[in-house]
Amino acid sequence: MRIKSLVLAFTALMAFSIPALSASPRLDPLGNPAPAAAATRTIVITPETRWVNVEGGEVIRFIVGDKSFGWDFYVGSTVTSFDLQLVAPPGVLNRRIVAYVSTDPRYRGKD
């Protein structure tokens, strides 16, 4: 009977811990969406734009015609470039625009 009670208690504890695990923040190697108000710089994407240069750790507001979105370039250390279409809200970008990401200055080695 005691083993049955222990198994039941263990099962109950596991059931309550699963929601806590699923609520952990998602780590995205390409950065995260950001509110426009948090942006430190604005980049206007025109029909001629093929790429943008950003610095790791920057929060950028992108303006595309009458639409805009913000992106926090807190990226993984191995990310040096990626297609902005991967992170833009649906319908904002209709073509490939490469974001070239330089190293976050907070993590650059000192000479």
PDB file of N, CA and C in Angstrom:
ATOM      1  N   MET A   1       0.825  -1.200   0.000  1.00  0.00           N
ATOM      2  CA  MET A   1       0.000   0.000   0.000  1.00  0.00           C
ATOM      3  C   MET A   1       0.867   1.262   0.000  1.00  0.00           C
ATOM      4  N   ARG A   2       1.972   1.225   0.764  1.00  0.00           N
ATOM      5  CA  ARG A   2       2.854   2.392   0.848  1.00  0.00           C
ATOM      6  C   ARG A   2       3.492   2.679  -0.514  1.00  0.00           C
ATOM      7  N   ILE A   3       3.885   1.653  -1.258  1.00  0.00           N
ATOM      8  CA  ILE A   3       4.479   1.840  -2.582  1.00  0.00           C
ATOM      9  C   ILE A   3       3.458   2.475  -3.517  1.00  0.00           C
ATOM     10  N   LYS A   4       2.216   2.020  -3.427  1.00  0.00           N
ATOM     11  CA  LYS A   4       1.170   2.585  -4.272  1.00  0.00           C
ATOM     12  C   LYS A   4       0.988   4.077  -3.980  1.00  0.00           C
ATOM     13  N   SER A   5       1.060   4.461  -2.703  1.00  0.00           N
ATOM     14  CA  SER A   5       0.936   5.872  -2.323  1.00  0.00           C
ATOM     15  C   SER A   5       2.111   6.689  -2.848  1.00  0.00           C
ATOM     16  N   LEU A   6       3.324   6.124  -2.780  1.00  0.00           N
ATOM     17  CA  LEU A   6       4.506   6.818  -3.289  1.00  0.00           C
ATOM     18  C   LEU A   6       4.423   7.010  -4.801  1.00  0.00           C
ATOM     19  N   VAL A   7       3.976   5.972  -5.509  1.00  0.00           N
ATOM     20  CA  VAL A   7       3.833   6.071  -6.962  1.00  0.00           C
ATOM     21  C   VAL A   7       2.793   7.133  -7.309  1.00  0.00           C
ATOM     22  N   LEU A   8       1.690   7.149  -6.592  1.00  0.00           N
ATOM     23  CA  LEU A   8       0.647   8.138  -6.831  1.00  0.00           C
ATOM     24  C   LEU A   8       1.165   9.560  -6.562  1.00  0.00           C
ATOM     25  N   ALA A   9       1.911   9.737  -5.480  1.00  0.00           N
ATOM     26  CA  ALA A   9       2.470  11.054  -5.158  1.00  0.00           C
ATOM     27  C   ALA A   9       3.482  11.484  -6.222  1.00  0.00           C
ATOM     28  N   PHE A  10       4.334  10.566  -6.655  1.00  0.00           N
ATOM     29  CA  PHE A  10       5.320  10.869  -7.694  1.00  0.00           C
ATOM     30  C   PHE A  10       4.628  11.270  -8.992  1.00  0.00           C
ATOM     31  N   THR A  11       3.585  10.538  -9.369  1.00  0.00           N
ATOM     32  CA  THR A  11       2.840  10.843 -10.589  1.00  0.00           C
ATOM     33  C   THR A  11       2.205  12.232 -10.500  1.00  0.00           C
ATOM     34  N   ALA A  12       1.651  12.559  -9.353  1.00  0.00           N
ATOM     35  CA  ALA A  12       1.030  13.875  -9.174  1.00  0.00           C
ATOM     36  C   ALA A  12       2.074  14.988  -9.280  1.00  0.00           C
ATOM     37  N   LEU A  13       3.234  14.786  -8.671  1.00  0.00           N
ATOM     38  CA  LEU A  13       4.295  15.791  -8.758  1.00  0.00           C
ATOM     39  C   LEU A  13       4.770  15.974 -10.196  1.00  0.00           C
ATOM     40  N   MET A  14       4.904  14.903 -10.934  1.00  0.00           N
ATOM     41  CA  MET A  14       5.330  14.990 -12.330  1.00  0.00           C
ATOM     42  C   MET A  14       4.286  15.730 -13.164  1.00  0.00           C
ATOM     43  N   ALA A  15       3.023  15.465 -12.912  1.00  0.00           N
ATOM     44  CA  ALA A  15       1.955  16.120 -13.668  1.00  0.00           C
ATOM     45  C   ALA A  15       1.971  17.632 -13.437  1.00  0.00           C
ATOM     46  N   PHE A  16       2.274  18.049 -12.210  1.00  0.00           N
ATOM     47  CA  PHE A  16       2.315  19.480 -11.914  1.00  0.00           C
ATOM     48  C   PHE A  16       3.591  20.145 -12.418  1.00  0.00           C
ATOM     49  N   SER A  17       4.651  19.387 -12.636  1.00  0.00           N
ATOM     50  CA  SER A  17       5.904  19.990 -13.101  1.00  0.00           C
ATOM     51  C   SER A  17       5.944  20.157 -14.614  1.00  0.00           C
ATOM     52  N   ILE A  18       5.150  19.424 -15.363  1.00  0.00           N
ATOM     53  CA  ILE A  18       5.157  19.521 -16.829  1.00  0.00           C
ATOM     54  C   ILE A  18       4.752  20.913 -17.307  1.00  0.00           C
ATOM     55  N   PRO A  19       3.698  21.545 -16.776  1.00  0.00           N
ATOM     56  CA  PRO A  19       3.385  22.907 -17.226  1.00  0.00           C
ATOM     57  C   PRO A  19       4.522  23.894 -16.953  1.00  0.00           C
ATOM     58  N   ALA A  20       5.246  23.721 -15.872  1.00  0.00           N
ATOM     59  CA  ALA A  20       6.364  24.621 -15.575  1.00  0.00           C
ATOM     60  C   ALA A  20       7.460  24.483 -16.618  1.00  0.00           C
ATOM     61  N   LEU A  21       7.687  23.279 -17.083  1.00  0.00           N
ATOM     62  CA  LEU A  21       8.704  23.071 -18.113  1.00  0.00           C
ATOM     63  C   LEU A  21       8.280  23.688 -19.436  1.00  0.00           C
ATOM     64  N   SER A  22       7.013  23.578 -19.771  1.00  0.00           N
ATOM     65  CA  SER A  22       6.558  24.111 -21.054  1.00  0.00           C
ATOM     66  C   SER A  22       6.466  25.638 -21.039  1.00  0.00           C
ATOM     67  N   ALA A  23       6.442  26.250 -19.869  1.00  0.00           N
ATOM     68  CA  ALA A  23       6.341  27.701 -19.776  1.00  0.00           C
ATOM     69  C   ALA A  23       7.699  28.392 -19.837  1.00  0.00           C
ATOM     70  N   SER A  24       8.787  27.605 -19.918  1.00  0.00           N
ATOM     71  CA  SER A  24      10.097  28.250 -19.973  1.00  0.00           C
ATOM     72  C   SER A  24      10.252  29.059 -21.250  1.00  0.00           C
ATOM     73  N   PRO A  25      11.003  30.145 -21.177  1.00  0.00           N
ATOM     74  CA  PRO A  25      11.155  30.993 -22.356  1.00  0.00           C
ATOM     75  C   PRO A  25      11.852  30.258 -23.492  1.00  0.00           C
ATOM     76  N   ARG A  26      11.424  30.572 -24.693  1.00  0.00           N
ATOM     77  CA  ARG A  26      12.003  29.946 -25.882  1.00  0.00           C
ATOM     78  C   ARG A  26      13.267  30.704 -26.259  1.00  0.00           C
ATOM     79  N   LEU A  27      14.335  29.984 -26.460  1.00  0.00           N
ATOM     80  CA  LEU A  27      15.574  30.607 -26.902  1.00  0.00           C
ATOM     81  C   LEU A  27      15.655  30.468 -28.404  1.00  0.00           C
ATOM     82  N   ASP A  28      15.650  31.585 -29.097  1.00  0.00           N
ATOM     83  CA  ASP A  28      15.680  31.562 -30.550  1.00  0.00           C
ATOM     84  C   ASP A  28      17.036  32.064 -31.022  1.00  0.00           C
ATOM     85  N   PRO A  29      17.760  31.259 -31.793  1.00  0.00           N
ATOM     86  CA  PRO A  29      19.094  31.688 -32.223  1.00  0.00           C
ATOM     87  C   PRO A  29      19.085  32.883 -33.176  1.00  0.00           C
ATOM     88  N   LEU A  30      17.931  33.243 -33.729  1.00  0.00           N
ATOM     89  CA  LEU A  30      17.857  34.382 -34.646  1.00  0.00           C
ATOM     90  C   LEU A  30      17.381  35.658 -33.965  1.00  0.00           C
ATOM     91  N   GLY A  31      17.169  35.627 -32.664  1.00  0.00           N
ATOM     92  CA  GLY A  31      16.683  36.797 -31.942  1.00  0.00           C
ATOM     93  C   GLY A  31      15.218  36.650 -31.598  1.00  0.00           C
ATOM     94  N   ASN A  32      14.583  37.774 -31.310  1.00  0.00           N
ATOM     95  CA  ASN A  32      13.188  37.759 -30.869  1.00  0.00           C
ATOM     96  C   ASN A  32      12.453  38.999 -31.356  1.00  0.00           C
ATOM     97  N   PRO A  33      11.123  38.887 -31.512  1.00  0.00           N
ATOM     98  CA  PRO A  33      10.337  40.073 -31.858  1.00  0.00           C
ATOM     99  C   PRO A  33      10.499  41.136 -30.767  1.00  0.00           C
ATOM    100  N   ALA A  34      10.420  42.376 -31.163  1.00  0.00           N
ATOM    101  CA  ALA A  34      10.561  43.474 -30.206  1.00  0.00           C
ATOM    102  C   ALA A  34       9.536  44.552 -30.527  1.00  0.00           C
ATOM    103  N   PRO A  35       9.032  45.242 -29.507  1.00  0.00           N
ATOM    104  CA  PRO A  35       8.112  46.353 -29.777  1.00  0.00           C
ATOM    105  C   PRO A  35       8.862  47.492 -30.468  1.00  0.00           C
ATOM    106  N   ALA A  36       8.172  48.191 -31.332  1.00  0.00           N
ATOM    107  CA  ALA A  36       8.791  49.292 -32.078  1.00  0.00           C
ATOM    108  C   ALA A  36       9.367  50.349 -31.139  1.00  0.00           C
ATOM    109  N   ALA A  37       8.733  50.552 -29.992  1.00  0.00           N
ATOM    110  CA  ALA A  37       9.202  51.565 -29.044  1.00  0.00           C
ATOM    111  C   ALA A  37      10.569  51.217 -28.457  1.00  0.00           C
ATOM    112  N   ALA A  38      10.944  49.946 -28.486  1.00  0.00           N
ATOM    113  CA  ALA A  38      12.232  49.525 -27.930  1.00  0.00           C
ATOM    114  C   ALA A  38      13.381  49.689 -28.916  1.00  0.00           C
ATOM    115  N   ALA A  39      13.064  50.028 -30.153  1.00  0.00           N
ATOM    116  CA  ALA A  39      14.091  50.108 -31.197  1.00  0.00           C
ATOM    117  C   ALA A  39      15.084  51.230 -30.926  1.00  0.00           C
ATOM    118  N   THR A  40      16.344  50.933 -31.195  1.00  0.00           N
ATOM    119  CA  THR A  40      17.396  51.939 -31.078  1.00  0.00           C
ATOM    120  C   THR A  40      17.762  52.505 -32.445  1.00  0.00           C
ATOM    121  N   ARG A  41      17.232  51.876 -33.489  1.00  0.00           N
ATOM    122  CA  ARG A  41      17.519  52.318 -34.854  1.00  0.00           C
ATOM    123  C   ARG A  41      16.376  51.883 -35.754  1.00  0.00           C
ATOM    124  N   THR A  42      16.141  52.643 -36.824  1.00  0.00           N
ATOM    125  CA  THR A  42      15.105  52.316 -37.802  1.00  0.00           C
ATOM    126  C   THR A  42      15.756  52.119 -39.160  1.00  0.00           C
ATOM    127  N   ILE A  43      15.347  51.052 -39.846  1.00  0.00           N
ATOM    128  CA  ILE A  43      15.819  50.785 -41.203  1.00  0.00           C
ATOM    129  C   ILE A  43      14.600  50.734 -42.110  1.00  0.00           C
ATOM    130  N   VAL A  44      14.614  51.559 -43.160  1.00  0.00           N
ATOM    131  CA  VAL A  44      13.537  51.563 -44.148  1.00  0.00           C
ATOM    132  C   VAL A  44      13.943  50.627 -45.278  1.00  0.00           C
ATOM    133  N   ILE A  45      13.105  49.640 -45.539  1.00  0.00           N
ATOM    134  CA  ILE A  45      13.370  48.684 -46.613  1.00  0.00           C
ATOM    135  C   ILE A  45      12.626  49.145 -47.856  1.00  0.00           C
ATOM    136  N   THR A  46      13.384  49.427 -48.902  1.00  0.00           N
ATOM    137  CA  THR A  46      12.828  49.887 -50.178  1.00  0.00           C
ATOM    138  C   THR A  46      12.860  48.733 -51.178  1.00  0.00           C
ATOM    139  N   PRO A  47      12.264  48.899 -52.348  1.00  0.00           N
ATOM    140  CA  PRO A  47      12.333  47.842 -53.362  1.00  0.00           C
ATOM    141  C   PRO A  47      13.769  47.506 -53.781  1.00  0.00           C
ATOM    142  N   GLU A  48      14.698  48.450 -53.600  1.00  0.00           N
ATOM    143  CA  GLU A  48      16.092  48.209 -53.975  1.00  0.00           C
ATOM    144  C   GLU A  48      16.893  47.498 -52.886  1.00  0.00           C
ATOM    145  N   THR A  49      16.375  47.447 -51.668  1.00  0.00           N
ATOM    146  CA  THR A  49      17.114  46.854 -50.553  1.00  0.00           C
ATOM    147  C   THR A  49      17.291  45.358 -50.771  1.00  0.00           C
ATOM    148  N   ARG A  50      18.540  44.909 -50.692  1.00  0.00           N
ATOM    149  CA  ARG A  50      18.844  43.479 -50.819  1.00  0.00           C
ATOM    150  C   ARG A  50      19.410  42.917 -49.516  1.00  0.00           C
ATOM    151  N   TRP A  51      20.009  43.776 -48.694  1.00  0.00           N
ATOM    152  CA  TRP A  51      20.569  43.345 -47.425  1.00  0.00           C
ATOM    153  C   TRP A  51      20.567  44.516 -46.453  1.00  0.00           C
ATOM    154  N   VAL A  52      20.732  44.182 -45.171  1.00  0.00           N
ATOM    155  CA  VAL A  52      20.893  45.186 -44.122  1.00  0.00           C
ATOM    156  C   VAL A  52      22.042  44.740 -43.224  1.00  0.00           C
ATOM    157  N   ASN A  53      22.761  45.689 -42.681  1.00  0.00           N
ATOM    158  CA  ASN A  53      23.839  45.409 -41.734  1.00  0.00           C
ATOM    159  C   ASN A  53      23.372  45.816 -40.344  1.00  0.00           C
ATOM    160  N   VAL A  54      23.441  44.879 -39.414  1.00  0.00           N
ATOM    161  CA  VAL A  54      23.051  45.158 -38.035  1.00  0.00           C
ATOM    162  C   VAL A  54      24.143  44.631 -37.111  1.00  0.00           C
ATOM    163  N   GLU A  55      24.080  45.059 -35.875  1.00  0.00           N
ATOM    164  CA  GLU A  55      25.037  44.624 -34.874  1.00  0.00           C
ATOM    165  C   GLU A  55      24.311  43.742 -33.868  1.00  0.00           C
ATOM    166  N   GLY A  56      24.949  42.677 -33.456  1.00  0.00           N
ATOM    167  CA  GLY A  56      24.353  41.811 -32.445  1.00  0.00           C
ATOM    168  C   GLY A  56      23.947  42.622 -31.227  1.00  0.00           C
ATOM    169  N   GLY A  57      22.773  42.358 -30.688  1.00  0.00           N
ATOM    170  CA  GLY A  57      22.275  43.085 -29.531  1.00  0.00           C
ATOM    171  C   GLY A  57      21.428  44.297 -29.875  1.00  0.00           C
ATOM    172  N   GLU A  58      21.439  44.727 -31.127  1.00  0.00           N
ATOM    173  CA  GLU A  58      20.629  45.884 -31.532  1.00  0.00           C
ATOM    174  C   GLU A  58      19.156  45.509 -31.605  1.00  0.00           C
ATOM    175  N   VAL A  59      18.313  46.482 -31.317  1.00  0.00           N
ATOM    176  CA  VAL A  59      16.877  46.344 -31.541  1.00  0.00           C
ATOM    177  C   VAL A  59      16.541  47.290 -32.686  1.00  0.00           C
ATOM    178  N   ILE A  60      16.034  46.720 -33.780  1.00  0.00           N
ATOM    179  CA  ILE A  60      15.794  47.479 -35.002  1.00  0.00           C
ATOM    180  C   ILE A  60      14.305  47.498 -35.321  1.00  0.00           C
ATOM    181  N   ARG A  61      13.833  48.655 -35.766  1.00  0.00           N
ATOM    182  CA  ARG A  61      12.478  48.766 -36.319  1.00  0.00           C
ATOM    183  C   ARG A  61      12.634  48.810 -37.831  1.00  0.00           C
ATOM    184  N   PHE A  62      11.990  47.866 -38.512  1.00  0.00           N
ATOM    185  CA  PHE A  62      12.018  47.820 -39.967  1.00  0.00           C
ATOM    186  C   PHE A  62      10.712  48.395 -40.496  1.00  0.00           C
ATOM    187  N   ILE A  63      10.810  49.308 -41.454  1.00  0.00           N
ATOM    188  CA  ILE A  63       9.633  49.872 -42.110  1.00  0.00           C
ATOM    189  C   ILE A  63       9.637  49.372 -43.544  1.00  0.00           C
ATOM    190  N   VAL A  64       8.548  48.714 -43.918  1.00  0.00           N
ATOM    191  CA  VAL A  64       8.394  48.167 -45.268  1.00  0.00           C
ATOM    192  C   VAL A  64       7.080  48.711 -45.816  1.00  0.00           C
ATOM    193  N   GLY A  65       7.159  49.760 -46.635  1.00  0.00           N
ATOM    194  CA  GLY A  65       5.932  50.393 -47.130  1.00  0.00           C
ATOM    195  C   GLY A  65       5.144  50.971 -45.975  1.00  0.00           C
ATOM    196  N   ASP A  66       3.880  50.534 -45.826  1.00  0.00           N
ATOM    197  CA  ASP A  66       3.041  51.015 -44.729  1.00  0.00           C
ATOM    198  C   ASP A  66       3.032  50.057 -43.537  1.00  0.00           C
ATOM    199  N   LYS A  67       3.905  49.047 -43.557  1.00  0.00           N
ATOM    200  CA  LYS A  67       3.983  48.066 -42.467  1.00  0.00           C
ATOM    201  C   LYS A  67       5.331  48.194 -41.770  1.00  0.00           C
ATOM    202  N   SER A  68       5.380  47.713 -40.544  1.00  0.00           N
ATOM    203  CA  SER A  68       6.650  47.721 -39.822  1.00  0.00           C
ATOM    204  C   SER A  68       6.674  46.582 -38.814  1.00  0.00           C
ATOM    205  N   PHE A  69       7.880  46.248 -38.385  1.00  0.00           N
ATOM    206  CA  PHE A  69       8.051  45.261 -37.322  1.00  0.00           C
ATOM    207  C   PHE A  69       9.375  45.537 -36.624  1.00  0.00           C
ATOM    208  N   GLY A  70       9.454  45.108 -35.379  1.00  0.00           N
ATOM    209  CA  GLY A  70      10.675  45.284 -34.603  1.00  0.00           C
ATOM    210  C   GLY A  70      11.346  43.945 -34.373  1.00  0.00           C
ATOM    211  N   TRP A  71      12.676  43.965 -34.332  1.00  0.00           N
ATOM    212  CA  TRP A  71      13.415  42.724 -34.097  1.00  0.00           C
ATOM    213  C   TRP A  71      14.616  42.993 -33.205  1.00  0.00           C
ATOM    214  N   ASP A  72      14.778  42.133 -32.201  1.00  0.00           N
ATOM    215  CA  ASP A  72      15.908  42.186 -31.283  1.00  0.00           C
ATOM    216  C   ASP A  72      16.956  41.195 -31.781  1.00  0.00           C
ATOM    217  N   PHE A  73      18.082  41.696 -32.224  1.00  0.00           N
ATOM    218  CA  PHE A  73      19.133  40.854 -32.794  1.00  0.00           C
ATOM    219  C   PHE A  73      20.055  40.292 -31.714  1.00  0.00           C
ATOM    220  N   TYR A  74      19.455  39.774 -30.649  1.00  0.00           N
ATOM    221  CA  TYR A  74      20.213  39.054 -29.632  1.00  0.00           C
ATOM    222  C   TYR A  74      20.315  37.626 -30.153  1.00  0.00           C
ATOM    223  N   VAL A  75      21.294  37.401 -31.023  1.00  0.00           N
ATOM    224  CA  VAL A  75      21.385  36.155 -31.778  1.00  0.00           C
ATOM    225  C   VAL A  75      22.420  35.215 -31.181  1.00  0.00           C
ATOM    226  N   GLY A  76      22.357  33.958 -31.631  1.00  0.00           N
ATOM    227  CA  GLY A  76      23.353  32.977 -31.230  1.00  0.00           C
ATOM    228  C   GLY A  76      24.731  33.372 -31.741  1.00  0.00           C
ATOM    229  N   SER A  77      25.762  32.903 -31.062  1.00  0.00           N
ATOM    230  CA  SER A  77      27.127  33.312 -31.401  1.00  0.00           C
ATOM    231  C   SER A  77      27.578  32.840 -32.777  1.00  0.00           C
ATOM    232  N   THR A  78      26.917  31.846 -33.333  1.00  0.00           N
ATOM    233  CA  THR A  78      27.313  31.343 -34.651  1.00  0.00           C
ATOM    234  C   THR A  78      26.514  31.973 -35.786  1.00  0.00           C
ATOM    235  N   VAL A  79      25.562  32.826 -35.466  1.00  0.00           N
ATOM    236  CA  VAL A  79      24.720  33.447 -36.494  1.00  0.00           C
ATOM    237  C   VAL A  79      25.415  34.695 -37.030  1.00  0.00           C
ATOM    238  N   THR A  80      25.720  34.692 -38.327  1.00  0.00           N
ATOM    239  CA  THR A  80      26.343  35.860 -38.959  1.00  0.00           C
ATOM    240  C   THR A  80      25.435  36.483 -40.012  1.00  0.00           C
ATOM    241  N   SER A  81      24.462  35.723 -40.501  1.00  0.00           N
ATOM    242  CA  SER A  81      23.491  36.257 -41.460  1.00  0.00           C
ATOM    243  C   SER A  81      22.291  35.327 -41.526  1.00  0.00           C
ATOM    244  N   PHE A  82      21.151  35.898 -41.914  1.00  0.00           N
ATOM    245  CA  PHE A  82      19.946  35.101 -42.146  1.00  0.00           C
ATOM    246  C   PHE A  82      18.952  35.930 -42.944  1.00  0.00           C
ATOM    247  N   ASP A  83      17.980  35.247 -43.526  1.00  0.00           N
ATOM    248  CA  ASP A  83      16.942  35.883 -44.338  1.00  0.00           C
ATOM    249  C   ASP A  83      15.895  36.493 -43.411  1.00  0.00           C
ATOM    250  N   LEU A  84      15.649  37.782 -43.545  1.00  0.00           N
ATOM    251  CA  LEU A  84      14.655  38.455 -42.697  1.00  0.00           C
ATOM    252  C   LEU A  84      13.250  37.897 -42.880  1.00  0.00           C
ATOM    253  N   GLN A  85      12.978  37.262 -44.017  1.00  0.00           N
ATOM    254  CA  GLN A  85      11.657  36.655 -44.215  1.00  0.00           C
ATOM    255  C   GLN A  85      11.370  35.595 -43.155  1.00  0.00           C
ATOM    256  N   LEU A  86      12.419  35.004 -42.587  1.00  0.00           N
ATOM    257  CA  LEU A  86      12.235  33.973 -41.563  1.00  0.00           C
ATOM    258  C   LEU A  86      11.641  34.534 -40.279  1.00  0.00           C
ATOM    259  N   VAL A  87      11.838  35.827 -40.033  1.00  0.00           N
ATOM    260  CA  VAL A  87      11.399  36.406 -38.764  1.00  0.00           C
ATOM    261  C   VAL A  87      10.348  37.503 -38.915  1.00  0.00           C
ATOM    262  N   ALA A  88      10.160  38.009 -40.114  1.00  0.00           N
ATOM    263  CA  ALA A  88       9.169  39.070 -40.334  1.00  0.00           C
ATOM    264  C   ALA A  88       7.757  38.508 -40.190  1.00  0.00           C
ATOM    265  N   PRO A  89       6.826  39.314 -39.725  1.00  0.00           N
ATOM    266  CA  PRO A  89       5.435  38.862 -39.667  1.00  0.00           C
ATOM    267  C   PRO A  89       4.942  38.485 -41.067  1.00  0.00           C
ATOM    268  N   PRO A  90       4.010  37.558 -41.150  1.00  0.00           N
ATOM    269  CA  PRO A  90       3.496  37.136 -42.460  1.00  0.00           C
ATOM    270  C   PRO A  90       2.987  38.321 -43.278  1.00  0.00           C
ATOM    271  N   GLY A  91       3.359  38.343 -44.555  1.00  0.00           N
ATOM    272  CA  GLY A  91       2.882  39.367 -45.465  1.00  0.00           C
ATOM    273  C   GLY A  91       3.666  40.665 -45.473  1.00  0.00           C
ATOM    274  N   VAL A  92       4.673  40.799 -44.615  1.00  0.00           N
ATOM    275  CA  VAL A  92       5.431  42.050 -44.573  1.00  0.00           C
ATOM    276  C   VAL A  92       6.529  42.068 -45.637  1.00  0.00           C
ATOM    277  N   LEU A  93       7.283  40.995 -45.751  1.00  0.00           N
ATOM    278  CA  LEU A  93       8.342  40.906 -46.765  1.00  0.00           C
ATOM    279  C   LEU A  93       7.941  39.886 -47.815  1.00  0.00           C
ATOM    280  N   ASN A  94       8.077  40.258 -49.082  1.00  0.00           N
ATOM    281  CA  ASN A  94       7.706  39.327 -50.154  1.00  0.00           C
ATOM    282  C   ASN A  94       8.916  38.859 -50.956  1.00  0.00           C
ATOM    283  N   ARG A  95      10.109  39.113 -50.411  1.00  0.00           N
ATOM    284  CA  ARG A  95      11.332  38.680 -51.086  1.00  0.00           C
ATOM    285  C   ARG A  95      12.444  38.517 -50.058  1.00  0.00           C
ATOM    286  N   ARG A  96      13.531  37.926 -50.514  1.00  0.00           N
ATOM    287  CA  ARG A  96      14.666  37.662 -49.632  1.00  0.00           C
ATOM    288  C   ARG A  96      15.445  38.955 -49.369  1.00  0.00           C
ATOM    289  N   ILE A  97      15.665  39.244 -48.104  1.00  0.00           N
ATOM    290  CA  ILE A  97      16.535  40.333 -47.676  1.00  0.00           C
ATOM    291  C   ILE A  97      17.424  39.749 -46.586  1.00  0.00           C
ATOM    292  N   VAL A  98      18.718  39.799 -46.811  1.00  0.00           N
ATOM    293  CA  VAL A  98      19.657  39.190 -45.876  1.00  0.00           C
ATOM    294  C   VAL A  98      20.051  40.195 -44.801  1.00  0.00           C
ATOM    295  N   ALA A  99      19.975  39.759 -43.551  1.00  0.00           N
ATOM    296  CA  ALA A  99      20.479  40.555 -42.432  1.00  0.00           C
ATOM    297  C   ALA A  99      21.870  40.032 -42.098  1.00  0.00           C
ATOM    298  N   TYR A 100      22.882  40.879 -42.274  1.00  0.00           N
ATOM    299  CA  TYR A 100      24.248  40.538 -41.893  1.00  0.00           C
ATOM    300  C   TYR A 100      24.467  41.055 -40.479  1.00  0.00           C
ATOM    301  N   VAL A 101      24.769  40.144 -39.566  1.00  0.00           N
ATOM    302  CA  VAL A 101      24.852  40.476 -38.148  1.00  0.00           C
ATOM    303  C   VAL A 101      26.311  40.448 -37.695  1.00  0.00           C
ATOM    304  N   SER A 102      26.817  41.602 -37.268  1.00  0.00           N
ATOM    305  CA  SER A 102      28.176  41.636 -36.713  1.00  0.00           C
ATOM    306  C   SER A 102      28.115  41.229 -35.242  1.00  0.00           C
ATOM    307  N   THR A 103      29.257  40.927 -34.691  1.00  0.00           N
ATOM    308  CA  THR A 103      29.342  40.450 -33.314  1.00  0.00           C
ATOM    309  C   THR A 103      28.826  41.499 -32.332  1.00  0.00           C
ATOM    310  N   ASP A 104      28.110  41.038 -31.337  1.00  0.00           N
ATOM    311  CA  ASP A 104      27.621  41.910 -30.272  1.00  0.00           C
ATOM    312  C   ASP A 104      28.831  42.510 -29.554  1.00  0.00           C
ATOM    313  N   PRO A 105      28.936  43.845 -29.482  1.00  0.00           N
ATOM    314  CA  PRO A 105      30.118  44.458 -28.868  1.00  0.00           C
ATOM    315  C   PRO A 105      30.302  44.096 -27.397  1.00  0.00           C
ATOM    316  N   ARG A 106      29.242  43.697 -26.732  1.00  0.00           N
ATOM    317  CA  ARG A 106      29.367  43.314 -25.319  1.00  0.00           C
ATOM    318  C   ARG A 106      30.155  42.027 -25.147  1.00  0.00           C
ATOM    319  N   TYR A 107      30.260  41.242 -26.228  1.00  0.00           N
ATOM    320  CA  TYR A 107      30.919  39.945 -26.118  1.00  0.00           C
ATOM    321  C   TYR A 107      32.178  39.842 -26.969  1.00  0.00           C
ATOM    322  N   ARG A 108      32.650  40.956 -27.502  1.00  0.00           N
ATOM    323  CA  ARG A 108      33.894  40.940 -28.272  1.00  0.00           C
ATOM    324  C   ARG A 108      35.069  40.818 -27.317  1.00  0.00           C
ATOM    325  N   GLY A 109      36.062  40.049 -27.747  1.00  0.00           N
ATOM    326  CA  GLY A 109      37.266  39.897 -26.926  1.00  0.00           C
ATOM    327  C   GLY A 109      38.082  41.174 -26.900  1.00  0.00           C
ATOM    328  N   LYS A 110      38.762  41.373 -25.823  1.00  0.00           N
ATOM    329  CA  LYS A 110      39.629  42.550 -25.687  1.00  0.00           C
ATOM    330  C   LYS A 110      41.018  42.184 -26.196  1.00  0.00           C
ATOM    331  N   ASP A 111      41.664  43.102 -26.917  1.00  0.00           N
ATOM    332  CA  ASP A 111      43.019  42.862 -27.437  1.00  0.00           C
ATOM    333  C   ASP A 111      44.059  43.097 -26.378  1.00  0.00           C
TER     334      ASP A 111
END
